[in-house]
């Protein structure tokens, strides 16, 4: 039975218009590397080799850009209205994001949705998605099979599958990822389709 949903933020609920090419150039220069830095946070952790000072400086560079981008963020479809509907039905809502805490708080306050989440975890607390998901489940007192992870990156659903959660991947060019997508993942072209999938699943159970 679905008791909780764990959402990603950027690319799933909102769109932060960050110049990713420019940001990666800054980070490549900082680390003196030609690495593609994909996924970004795991790549930084790998390059920093557990040097907390390097990690903090890199994260600060990213956070500065995220805070700027939060000023002109774009709401994806009508995601907030759907979250409020879910909240009214007593579905536990959790948020995990690779954005920094400062930018995340700014976004949630701007959208007036901070209070609807059971917990909010950012990269400042846990810079690895698997650990974010595990901690989020624990804080919400949810078992993996009672929660669904919703994200827009392949890494999101692979991590969800690793800890035993079903998931929904929001991605237009699905054919590029088909062989890597876990069997536990449902596919959606956009947030509206993900909303339909979730609504259908919830309608089949007593809420």
C-alpha atoms as a PDB file:
ATOM      1  CA  UNK A   1       0.000   0.000   0.000  1.00  0.00           C
ATOM      2  CA  UNK A   2       1.324   3.417  -0.968  1.00  0.00           C
ATOM      3  CA  UNK A   3       1.705   5.517   2.169  1.00  0.00           C
ATOM      4  CA  UNK A   4       4.328   7.986   1.038  1.00  0.00           C
ATOM      5  CA  UNK A   5       5.919   9.639  -1.969  1.00  0.00           C
ATOM      6  CA  UNK A   6       9.479  10.921  -2.204  1.00  0.00           C
ATOM      7  CA  UNK A   7       9.932  13.679  -4.769  1.00  0.00           C
ATOM      8  CA  UNK A   8      13.041  15.147  -6.344  1.00  0.00           C
ATOM      9  CA  UNK A   9      12.965  18.948  -6.719  1.00  0.00           C
ATOM     10  CA  UNK A  10      14.796  20.437  -9.722  1.00  0.00           C
ATOM     11  CA  UNK A  11      13.620  18.907 -12.968  1.00  0.00           C
ATOM     12  CA  UNK A  12      10.691  17.185 -11.263  1.00  0.00           C
ATOM     13  CA  UNK A  13       8.627  19.823  -9.440  1.00  0.00           C
ATOM     14  CA  UNK A  14      10.397  22.982 -10.579  1.00  0.00           C
ATOM     15  CA  UNK A  15      12.954  23.970 -13.155  1.00  0.00           C
ATOM     16  CA  UNK A  16      15.982  25.991 -12.102  1.00  0.00           C
ATOM     17  CA  UNK A  17      17.452  27.702 -15.124  1.00  0.00           C
ATOM     18  CA  UNK A  18      21.114  27.227 -14.282  1.00  0.00           C
ATOM     19  CA  UNK A  19      23.740  27.591 -16.969  1.00  0.00           C
ATOM     20  CA  UNK A  20      25.036  24.065 -16.468  1.00  0.00           C
ATOM     21  CA  UNK A  21      27.768  24.378 -19.090  1.00  0.00           C
ATOM     22  CA  UNK A  22      29.190  27.480 -17.420  1.00  0.00           C
ATOM     23  CA  UNK A  23      28.903  25.915 -13.976  1.00  0.00           C
ATOM     24  CA  UNK A  24      30.686  22.764 -15.112  1.00  0.00           C
ATOM     25  CA  UNK A  25      33.456  24.848 -16.678  1.00  0.00           C
ATOM     26  CA  UNK A  26      33.986  26.586 -13.339  1.00  0.00           C
ATOM     27  CA  UNK A  27      34.119  23.262 -11.520  1.00  0.00           C
ATOM     28  CA  UNK A  28      36.370  21.658 -14.135  1.00  0.00           C
ATOM     29  CA  UNK A  29      38.741  24.574 -13.744  1.00  0.00           C
ATOM     30  CA  UNK A  30      38.574  24.278  -9.963  1.00  0.00           C
ATOM     31  CA  UNK A  31      39.397  20.560 -10.038  1.00  0.00           C
ATOM     32  CA  UNK A  32      41.733  20.887 -13.046  1.00  0.00           C
ATOM     33  CA  UNK A  33      39.932  18.127 -14.914  1.00  0.00           C
ATOM     34  CA  UNK A  34      38.186  17.417 -18.224  1.00  0.00           C
ATOM     35  CA  UNK A  35      35.756  15.060 -16.504  1.00  0.00           C
ATOM     36  CA  UNK A  36      32.153  15.468 -17.745  1.00  0.00           C
ATOM     37  CA  UNK A  37      30.981  15.712 -14.110  1.00  0.00           C
ATOM     38  CA  UNK A  38      27.902  13.555 -14.645  1.00  0.00           C
ATOM     39  CA  UNK A  39      26.101  12.993 -12.338  1.00  0.00           C
ATOM     40  CA  UNK A  40      27.416  16.240 -10.877  1.00  0.00           C
ATOM     41  CA  UNK A  41      27.457  15.631  -7.127  1.00  0.00           C
ATOM     42  CA  UNK A  42      28.832  12.057  -7.229  1.00  0.00           C
ATOM     43  CA  UNK A  43      31.518  13.294  -9.649  1.00  0.00           C
ATOM     44  CA  UNK A  44      32.548  16.073  -7.263  1.00  0.00           C
ATOM     45  CA  UNK A  45      32.728  13.679  -4.331  1.00  0.00           C
ATOM     46  CA  UNK A  46      34.917  11.355  -6.392  1.00  0.00           C
ATOM     47  CA  UNK A  47      37.272  14.114  -7.548  1.00  0.00           C
ATOM     48  CA  UNK A  48      37.553  15.624  -4.067  1.00  0.00           C
ATOM     49  CA  UNK A  49      38.717  12.283  -2.646  1.00  0.00           C
ATOM     50  CA  UNK A  50      37.112  12.931   0.761  1.00  0.00           C
ATOM     51  CA  UNK A  51      38.774  16.339   1.086  1.00  0.00           C
ATOM     52  CA  UNK A  52      36.037  18.204   2.983  1.00  0.00           C
ATOM     53  CA  UNK A  53      37.556  21.598   2.167  1.00  0.00           C
ATOM     54  CA  UNK A  54      37.440  20.949  -1.582  1.00  0.00           C
ATOM     55  CA  UNK A  55      33.918  19.565  -1.347  1.00  0.00           C
ATOM     56  CA  UNK A  56      32.705  22.609   0.572  1.00  0.00           C
ATOM     57  CA  UNK A  57      34.259  25.065  -1.908  1.00  0.00           C
ATOM     58  CA  UNK A  58      32.753  23.223  -4.865  1.00  0.00           C
ATOM     59  CA  UNK A  59      29.339  23.033  -3.193  1.00  0.00           C
ATOM     60  CA  UNK A  60      29.455  26.748  -2.376  1.00  0.00           C
ATOM     61  CA  UNK A  61      30.089  27.526  -6.054  1.00  0.00           C
ATOM     62  CA  UNK A  62      27.053  25.467  -7.025  1.00  0.00           C
ATOM     63  CA  UNK A  63      24.888  26.890  -4.237  1.00  0.00           C
ATOM     64  CA  UNK A  64      25.550  30.455  -5.355  1.00  0.00           C
ATOM     65  CA  UNK A  65      24.208  29.595  -8.812  1.00  0.00           C
ATOM     66  CA  UNK A  66      21.204  27.746  -7.362  1.00  0.00           C
ATOM     67  CA  UNK A  67      20.218  30.694  -5.192  1.00  0.00           C
ATOM     68  CA  UNK A  68      20.381  33.001  -8.215  1.00  0.00           C
ATOM     69  CA  UNK A  69      18.317  30.569 -10.272  1.00  0.00           C
ATOM     70  CA  UNK A  70      15.658  30.268  -7.568  1.00  0.00           C
ATOM     71  CA  UNK A  71      14.658  33.869  -8.298  1.00  0.00           C
ATOM     72  CA  UNK A  72      13.359  32.873 -11.731  1.00  0.00           C
ATOM     73  CA  UNK A  73      12.422  29.257 -11.202  1.00  0.00           C
ATOM     74  CA  UNK A  74       9.721  27.716 -13.353  1.00  0.00           C
ATOM     75  CA  UNK A  75       6.943  25.572 -11.915  1.00  0.00           C
ATOM     76  CA  UNK A  76       6.603  22.315 -13.858  1.00  0.00           C
ATOM     77  CA  UNK A  77       3.016  21.761 -14.986  1.00  0.00           C
ATOM     78  CA  UNK A  78       0.774  22.285 -11.950  1.00  0.00           C
ATOM     79  CA  UNK A  79       2.894  20.172  -9.633  1.00  0.00           C
ATOM     80  CA  UNK A  80       2.167  22.161  -6.474  1.00  0.00           C
ATOM     81  CA  UNK A  81      -1.602  21.754  -6.798  1.00  0.00           C
ATOM     82  CA  UNK A  82      -1.127  17.996  -7.087  1.00  0.00           C
ATOM     83  CA  UNK A  83       1.117  17.940  -4.010  1.00  0.00           C
ATOM     84  CA  UNK A  84      -1.549  19.766  -2.031  1.00  0.00           C
ATOM     85  CA  UNK A  85      -4.160  17.229  -3.144  1.00  0.00           C
ATOM     86  CA  UNK A  86      -1.929  14.369  -2.028  1.00  0.00           C
ATOM     87  CA  UNK A  87      -1.297  16.092   1.287  1.00  0.00           C
ATOM     88  CA  UNK A  88      -5.048  16.503   1.851  1.00  0.00           C
ATOM     89  CA  UNK A  89      -5.410  12.724   1.428  1.00  0.00           C
ATOM     90  CA  UNK A  90      -2.862  12.097   4.193  1.00  0.00           C
ATOM     91  CA  UNK A  91      -0.182  10.761   1.874  1.00  0.00           C
ATOM     92  CA  UNK A  92       3.219  11.393   3.439  1.00  0.00           C
ATOM     93  CA  UNK A  93       5.249  13.651   1.168  1.00  0.00           C
ATOM     94  CA  UNK A  94       9.038  13.775   1.339  1.00  0.00           C
ATOM     95  CA  UNK A  95      11.561  15.803  -0.626  1.00  0.00           C
ATOM     96  CA  UNK A  96      15.133  14.878  -1.501  1.00  0.00           C
ATOM     97  CA  UNK A  97      17.264  17.224  -3.537  1.00  0.00           C
ATOM     98  CA  UNK A  98      20.818  17.716  -4.679  1.00  0.00           C
ATOM     99  CA  UNK A  99      20.319  21.456  -4.297  1.00  0.00           C
ATOM    100  CA  UNK A 100      21.797  23.214  -1.267  1.00  0.00           C
ATOM    101  CA  UNK A 101      19.728  23.904   1.849  1.00  0.00           C
ATOM    102  CA  UNK A 102      19.686  27.684   1.324  1.00  0.00           C
ATOM    103  CA  UNK A 103      18.306  27.462  -2.220  1.00  0.00           C
ATOM    104  CA  UNK A 104      15.839  24.725  -1.255  1.00  0.00           C
ATOM    105  CA  UNK A 105      14.440  26.722   1.659  1.00  0.00           C
ATOM    106  CA  UNK A 106      14.078  29.761  -0.579  1.00  0.00           C
ATOM    107  CA  UNK A 107      12.148  27.763  -3.180  1.00  0.00           C
ATOM    108  CA  UNK A 108       9.851  26.059  -0.661  1.00  0.00           C
ATOM    109  CA  UNK A 109       9.066  29.334   1.099  1.00  0.00           C
ATOM    110  CA  UNK A 110       8.379  31.053  -2.205  1.00  0.00           C
ATOM    111  CA  UNK A 111       5.961  28.304  -3.233  1.00  0.00           C
ATOM    112  CA  UNK A 112       4.489  28.089   0.291  1.00  0.00           C
ATOM    113  CA  UNK A 113       4.804  24.312   0.429  1.00  0.00           C
ATOM    114  CA  UNK A 114       7.430  23.790   3.122  1.00  0.00           C
ATOM    115  CA  UNK A 115       4.888  22.586   5.683  1.00  0.00           C
ATOM    116  CA  UNK A 116       3.377  19.846   3.507  1.00  0.00           C
ATOM    117  CA  UNK A 117       6.563  17.761   3.517  1.00  0.00           C
ATOM    118  CA  UNK A 118       7.189  15.195   6.217  1.00  0.00           C
ATOM    119  CA  UNK A 119      10.912  15.797   5.725  1.00  0.00           C
ATOM    120  CA  UNK A 120      13.226  17.685   3.378  1.00  0.00           C
ATOM    121  CA  UNK A 121      16.788  16.506   2.790  1.00  0.00           C
ATOM    122  CA  UNK A 122      19.360  18.390   0.735  1.00  0.00           C
ATOM    123  CA  UNK A 123      22.928  17.676  -0.334  1.00  0.00           C
ATOM    124  CA  UNK A 124      24.127  19.683   2.673  1.00  0.00           C
ATOM    125  CA  UNK A 125      22.923  16.847   4.910  1.00  0.00           C
ATOM    126  CA  UNK A 126      23.450  13.891   2.566  1.00  0.00           C
ATOM    127  CA  UNK A 127      25.318  14.409  -0.739  1.00  0.00           C
ATOM    128  CA  UNK A 128      24.460  10.915  -1.989  1.00  0.00           C
ATOM    129  CA  UNK A 129      20.990  10.035  -3.285  1.00  0.00           C
ATOM    130  CA  UNK A 130      20.861   6.537  -1.765  1.00  0.00           C
ATOM    131  CA  UNK A 131      21.549   7.926   1.703  1.00  0.00           C
ATOM    132  CA  UNK A 132      18.969  10.666   1.195  1.00  0.00           C
ATOM    133  CA  UNK A 133      16.324   8.093   0.319  1.00  0.00           C
ATOM    134  CA  UNK A 134      17.181   5.806   3.224  1.00  0.00           C
ATOM    135  CA  UNK A 135      17.093   8.659   5.729  1.00  0.00           C
ATOM    136  CA  UNK A 136      13.889  10.086   4.257  1.00  0.00           C
ATOM    137  CA  UNK A 137      12.127   6.732   4.661  1.00  0.00           C
ATOM    138  CA  UNK A 138      13.364   6.440   8.244  1.00  0.00           C
ATOM    139  CA  UNK A 139      12.239   9.948   9.193  1.00  0.00           C
ATOM    140  CA  UNK A 140       8.792   9.358   7.678  1.00  0.00           C
ATOM    141  CA  UNK A 141       8.562   5.901   9.272  1.00  0.00           C
ATOM    142  CA  UNK A 142       7.986   4.314   5.870  1.00  0.00           C
ATOM    143  CA  UNK A 143       9.001   0.907   4.564  1.00  0.00           C
ATOM    144  CA  UNK A 144      10.571   0.897   1.073  1.00  0.00           C
ATOM    145  CA  UNK A 145       7.654  -1.053  -0.436  1.00  0.00           C
ATOM    146  CA  UNK A 146       5.195   1.558   0.909  1.00  0.00           C
ATOM    147  CA  UNK A 147       6.830   4.489  -0.892  1.00  0.00           C
ATOM    148  CA  UNK A 148       7.344   5.616  -4.479  1.00  0.00           C
ATOM    149  CA  UNK A 149      10.255   7.785  -5.591  1.00  0.00           C
ATOM    150  CA  UNK A 150       9.562  10.343  -8.335  1.00  0.00           C
ATOM    151  CA  UNK A 151      12.521  11.866 -10.174  1.00  0.00           C
ATOM    152  CA  UNK A 152      13.779  12.998 -13.543  1.00  0.00           C
ATOM    153  CA  UNK A 153      17.190  11.346 -13.616  1.00  0.00           C
ATOM    154  CA  UNK A 154      18.181   7.742 -14.202  1.00  0.00           C
ATOM    155  CA  UNK A 155      20.305   7.927 -11.055  1.00  0.00           C
ATOM    156  CA  UNK A 156      17.157   8.657  -9.003  1.00  0.00           C
ATOM    157  CA  UNK A 157      15.386   5.443  -9.992  1.00  0.00           C
ATOM    158  CA  UNK A 158      18.501   3.275  -9.819  1.00  0.00           C
ATOM    159  CA  UNK A 159      19.027   4.436  -6.229  1.00  0.00           C
ATOM    160  CA  UNK A 160      15.337   3.855  -5.461  1.00  0.00           C
ATOM    161  CA  UNK A 161      15.585   0.311  -6.787  1.00  0.00           C
ATOM    162  CA  UNK A 162      18.721  -0.282  -4.712  1.00  0.00           C
ATOM    163  CA  UNK A 163      16.846   0.343  -1.467  1.00  0.00           C
ATOM    164  CA  UNK A 164      13.672  -1.488  -2.529  1.00  0.00           C
ATOM    165  CA  UNK A 165      11.414   1.394  -3.593  1.00  0.00           C
ATOM    166  CA  UNK A 166       9.284   1.507  -6.714  1.00  0.00           C
ATOM    167  CA  UNK A 167       9.738   4.660  -8.740  1.00  0.00           C
ATOM    168  CA  UNK A 168       8.577   6.864 -11.589  1.00  0.00           C
ATOM    169  CA  UNK A 169      11.104   8.315 -14.024  1.00  0.00           C
ATOM    170  CA  UNK A 170      10.037  11.502 -15.780  1.00  0.00           C
ATOM    171  CA  UNK A 171      12.043  11.598 -18.985  1.00  0.00           C
ATOM    172  CA  UNK A 172      11.146  12.439 -22.577  1.00  0.00           C
ATOM    173  CA  UNK A 173      13.870  10.508 -24.388  1.00  0.00           C
ATOM    174  CA  UNK A 174      13.094   7.227 -22.661  1.00  0.00           C
ATOM    175  CA  UNK A 175      14.575   5.136 -25.474  1.00  0.00           C
ATOM    176  CA  UNK A 176      18.044   6.353 -24.543  1.00  0.00           C
ATOM    177  CA  UNK A 177      17.742   4.765 -21.102  1.00  0.00           C
ATOM    178  CA  UNK A 178      15.552   1.701 -21.640  1.00  0.00           C
ATOM    179  CA  UNK A 179      18.251  -0.908 -21.008  1.00  0.00           C
ATOM    180  CA  UNK A 180      19.306   0.775 -17.759  1.00  0.00           C
ATOM    181  CA  UNK A 181      15.877   1.449 -16.222  1.00  0.00           C
ATOM    182  CA  UNK A 182      15.009  -0.902 -13.314  1.00  0.00           C
ATOM    183  CA  UNK A 183      11.965  -3.166 -13.627  1.00  0.00           C
ATOM    184  CA  UNK A 184      10.557  -1.426 -10.538  1.00  0.00           C
ATOM    185  CA  UNK A 185      10.294   1.860 -12.459  1.00  0.00           C
ATOM    186  CA  UNK A 186       7.298   3.235 -14.329  1.00  0.00           C
ATOM    187  CA  UNK A 187       7.971   5.719 -17.116  1.00  0.00           C
ATOM    188  CA  UNK A 188       6.393   9.136 -17.687  1.00  0.00           C
ATOM    189  CA  UNK A 189       6.992  11.644 -20.457  1.00  0.00           C
ATOM    190  CA  UNK A 190       6.248  14.615 -18.162  1.00  0.00           C
ATOM    191  CA  UNK A 191       4.893  15.475 -14.719  1.00  0.00           C
ATOM    192  CA  UNK A 192       1.288  15.337 -15.920  1.00  0.00           C
ATOM    193  CA  UNK A 193       1.773  11.719 -16.962  1.00  0.00           C
ATOM    194  CA  UNK A 194       3.460  10.933 -13.656  1.00  0.00           C
ATOM    195  CA  UNK A 195       0.478  12.499 -11.902  1.00  0.00           C
ATOM    196  CA  UNK A 196      -1.876  10.237 -13.868  1.00  0.00           C
ATOM    197  CA  UNK A 197       0.160   7.152 -12.942  1.00  0.00           C
ATOM    198  CA  UNK A 198       0.132   8.071  -9.258  1.00  0.00           C
ATOM    199  CA  UNK A 199      -3.570   8.940  -9.290  1.00  0.00           C
ATOM    200  CA  UNK A 200      -4.378   5.588 -10.871  1.00  0.00           C
ATOM    201  CA  UNK A 201      -2.277   3.705  -8.313  1.00  0.00           C
ATOM    202  CA  UNK A 202      -3.825   5.563  -5.400  1.00  0.00           C
ATOM    203  CA  UNK A 203      -7.360   5.135  -6.719  1.00  0.00           C
ATOM    204  CA  UNK A 204      -6.849   1.376  -6.581  1.00  0.00           C
ATOM    205  CA  UNK A 205      -6.304   1.459  -2.851  1.00  0.00           C
ATOM    206  CA  UNK A 206      -8.205   2.835   0.108  1.00  0.00           C
ATOM    207  CA  UNK A 207      -6.734   6.175   1.083  1.00  0.00           C
END
